[in-house]
Every structure is written in C-alpha cells, then in structure tokens.
C-alpha atoms as a PDB file:
ATOM      1  CA  UNK A   1    -161.581  13.169-120.907  1.00  0.00           C
ATOM      2  CA  UNK A   2    -159.635  15.210-118.234  1.00  0.00           C
ATOM      3  CA  UNK A   3    -158.634  12.032-116.334  1.00  0.00           C
ATOM      4  CA  UNK A   4    -157.079  10.701-119.625  1.00  0.00           C
ATOM      5  CA  UNK A   5    -154.938  14.237-120.321  1.00  0.00           C
ATOM      6  CA  UNK A   6    -153.837  14.294-117.088  1.00  0.00           C
ATOM      7  CA  UNK A   7    -152.349  10.710-117.418  1.00  0.00           C
ATOM      8  CA  UNK A   8    -149.556  11.664-119.695  1.00  0.00           C
ATOM      9  CA  UNK A   9    -145.985  11.137-118.769  1.00  0.00           C
ATOM     10  CA  UNK A  10    -144.471  13.136-121.670  1.00  0.00           C
ATOM     11  CA  UNK A  11    -145.060  16.146-124.033  1.00  0.00           C
ATOM     12  CA  UNK A  12    -144.603  13.527-126.409  1.00  0.00           C
ATOM     13  CA  UNK A  13    -147.508  11.810-125.665  1.00  0.00           C
ATOM     14  CA  UNK A  14    -149.830  14.589-127.085  1.00  0.00           C
ATOM     15  CA  UNK A  15    -149.941  14.564-130.190  1.00  0.00           C
ATOM     16  CA  UNK A  16    -150.125  10.333-129.681  1.00  0.00           C
ATOM     17  CA  UNK A  17    -153.145  10.944-127.486  1.00  0.00           C
ATOM     18  CA  UNK A  18    -154.792  13.432-130.029  1.00  0.00           C
ATOM     19  CA  UNK A  19    -153.786  11.434-133.168  1.00  0.00           C
ATOM     20  CA  UNK A  20    -155.330   8.522-131.870  1.00  0.00           C
ATOM     21  CA  UNK A  21    -158.541  10.437-131.916  1.00  0.00           C
ATOM     22  CA  UNK A  22    -159.040  12.653-133.976  1.00  0.00           C
ATOM     23  CA  UNK A  23    -155.827  11.864-136.896  1.00  0.00           C
ATOM     24  CA  UNK A  24    -157.413  14.129-139.550  1.00  0.00           C
ATOM     25  CA  UNK A  25    -157.385  17.325-138.241  1.00  0.00           C
ATOM     26  CA  UNK A  26    -155.593  20.025-138.401  1.00  0.00           C
ATOM     27  CA  UNK A  27    -152.807  20.437-135.427  1.00  0.00           C
ATOM     28  CA  UNK A  28    -149.664  22.329-137.144  1.00  0.00           C
ATOM     29  CA  UNK A  29    -150.392  25.406-140.107  1.00  0.00           C
ATOM     30  CA  UNK A  30    -147.615  27.442-140.922  1.00  0.00           C
ATOM     31  CA  UNK A  31    -148.264  28.775-143.798  1.00  0.00           C
ATOM     32  CA  UNK A  32    -148.538  26.478-146.501  1.00  0.00           C
ATOM     33  CA  UNK A  33    -147.797  23.766-144.848  1.00  0.00           C
ATOM     34  CA  UNK A  34    -150.424  22.065-142.690  1.00  0.00           C
ATOM     35  CA  UNK A  35    -149.349  19.033-140.504  1.00  0.00           C
ATOM     36  CA  UNK A  36    -152.544  16.929-139.469  1.00  0.00           C
ATOM     37  CA  UNK A  37    -152.100  14.976-136.149  1.00  0.00           C
ATOM     38  CA  UNK A  38    -151.590  12.018-137.261  1.00  0.00           C
ATOM     39  CA  UNK A  39    -148.499  14.243-138.907  1.00  0.00           C
ATOM     40  CA  UNK A  40    -147.547  16.156-135.750  1.00  0.00           C
ATOM     41  CA  UNK A  41    -147.453  11.869-134.024  1.00  0.00           C
ATOM     42  CA  UNK A  42    -145.375  10.446-137.114  1.00  0.00           C
ATOM     43  CA  UNK A  43    -142.385  13.094-136.644  1.00  0.00           C
ATOM     44  CA  UNK A  44    -142.644  13.029-133.143  1.00  0.00           C
ATOM     45  CA  UNK A  45    -142.115   9.919-133.116  1.00  0.00           C
ATOM     46  CA  UNK A  46    -139.143  10.229-135.950  1.00  0.00           C
ATOM     47  CA  UNK A  47    -136.909  12.716-133.690  1.00  0.00           C
ATOM     48  CA  UNK A  48    -137.708  10.976-130.356  1.00  0.00           C
ATOM     49  CA  UNK A  49    -135.829   7.468-131.833  1.00  0.00           C
ATOM     50  CA  UNK A  50    -133.244   9.433-133.724  1.00  0.00           C
ATOM     51  CA  UNK A  51    -132.678  11.517-130.569  1.00  0.00           C
ATOM     52  CA  UNK A  52    -132.833   7.843-128.840  1.00  0.00           C
ATOM     53  CA  UNK A  53    -130.192   6.734-131.309  1.00  0.00           C
ATOM     54  CA  UNK A  54    -128.310   9.131-130.600  1.00  0.00           C
ATOM     55  CA  UNK A  55    -127.750   8.512-126.899  1.00  0.00           C
ATOM     56  CA  UNK A  56    -130.135  10.620-125.373  1.00  0.00           C
ATOM     57  CA  UNK A  57    -132.226   9.090-122.324  1.00  0.00           C
ATOM     58  CA  UNK A  58    -134.815   9.358-120.215  1.00  0.00           C
ATOM     59  CA  UNK A  59    -134.791  12.272-117.455  1.00  0.00           C
ATOM     60  CA  UNK A  60    -132.408  14.147-120.437  1.00  0.00           C
ATOM     61  CA  UNK A  61    -132.746  17.435-120.731  1.00  0.00           C
ATOM     62  CA  UNK A  62    -134.035  18.331-124.402  1.00  0.00           C
ATOM     63  CA  UNK A  63    -133.570  22.104-125.137  1.00  0.00           C
ATOM     64  CA  UNK A  64    -135.187  23.413-128.251  1.00  0.00           C
ATOM     65  CA  UNK A  65    -133.748  26.954-130.189  1.00  0.00           C
ATOM     66  CA  UNK A  66    -135.727  29.079-132.902  1.00  0.00           C
ATOM     67  CA  UNK A  67    -136.784  32.074-134.191  1.00  0.00           C
ATOM     68  CA  UNK A  68    -140.514  33.643-133.446  1.00  0.00           C
ATOM     69  CA  UNK A  69    -142.061  34.569-136.495  1.00  0.00           C
END
C-alpha cells in the first residue's frame, strides 16, 4: 500500500484513491455534516473542474483561506 500512495502525484488523487477502496467510510465529519470518501472525491472533482473551467492549469498555485473551528 505504501508504494501505491507514493505514486499519487496530487493532493486531489488521495480522495479518489480511498473512494475506490472504501467509498462508504466516513472521510470528514463536521458537526452533523458527514462525508464519505465517495462524497469527498465527488466534491474534489467538482471543484477541480470548476477551477479548470476558470483558467487554472497544472502548475498553478491555489491557496485556501479558512478559519479554524
């Protein structure tokens, strides 16, 4: 398993990797909100497609600004 994980190139590859193996396991919990790995992979793909549609390309940098809860 370590060798498979080492081959993942992008952070967005990880939800897809785990969704293929454990789609119904919980990946994220925030209060009453619960996402499975399949949910997380779907949303990562949705946001990646939106960023691509708006001109983001491989090698471009993306920052996330969020508050801690």
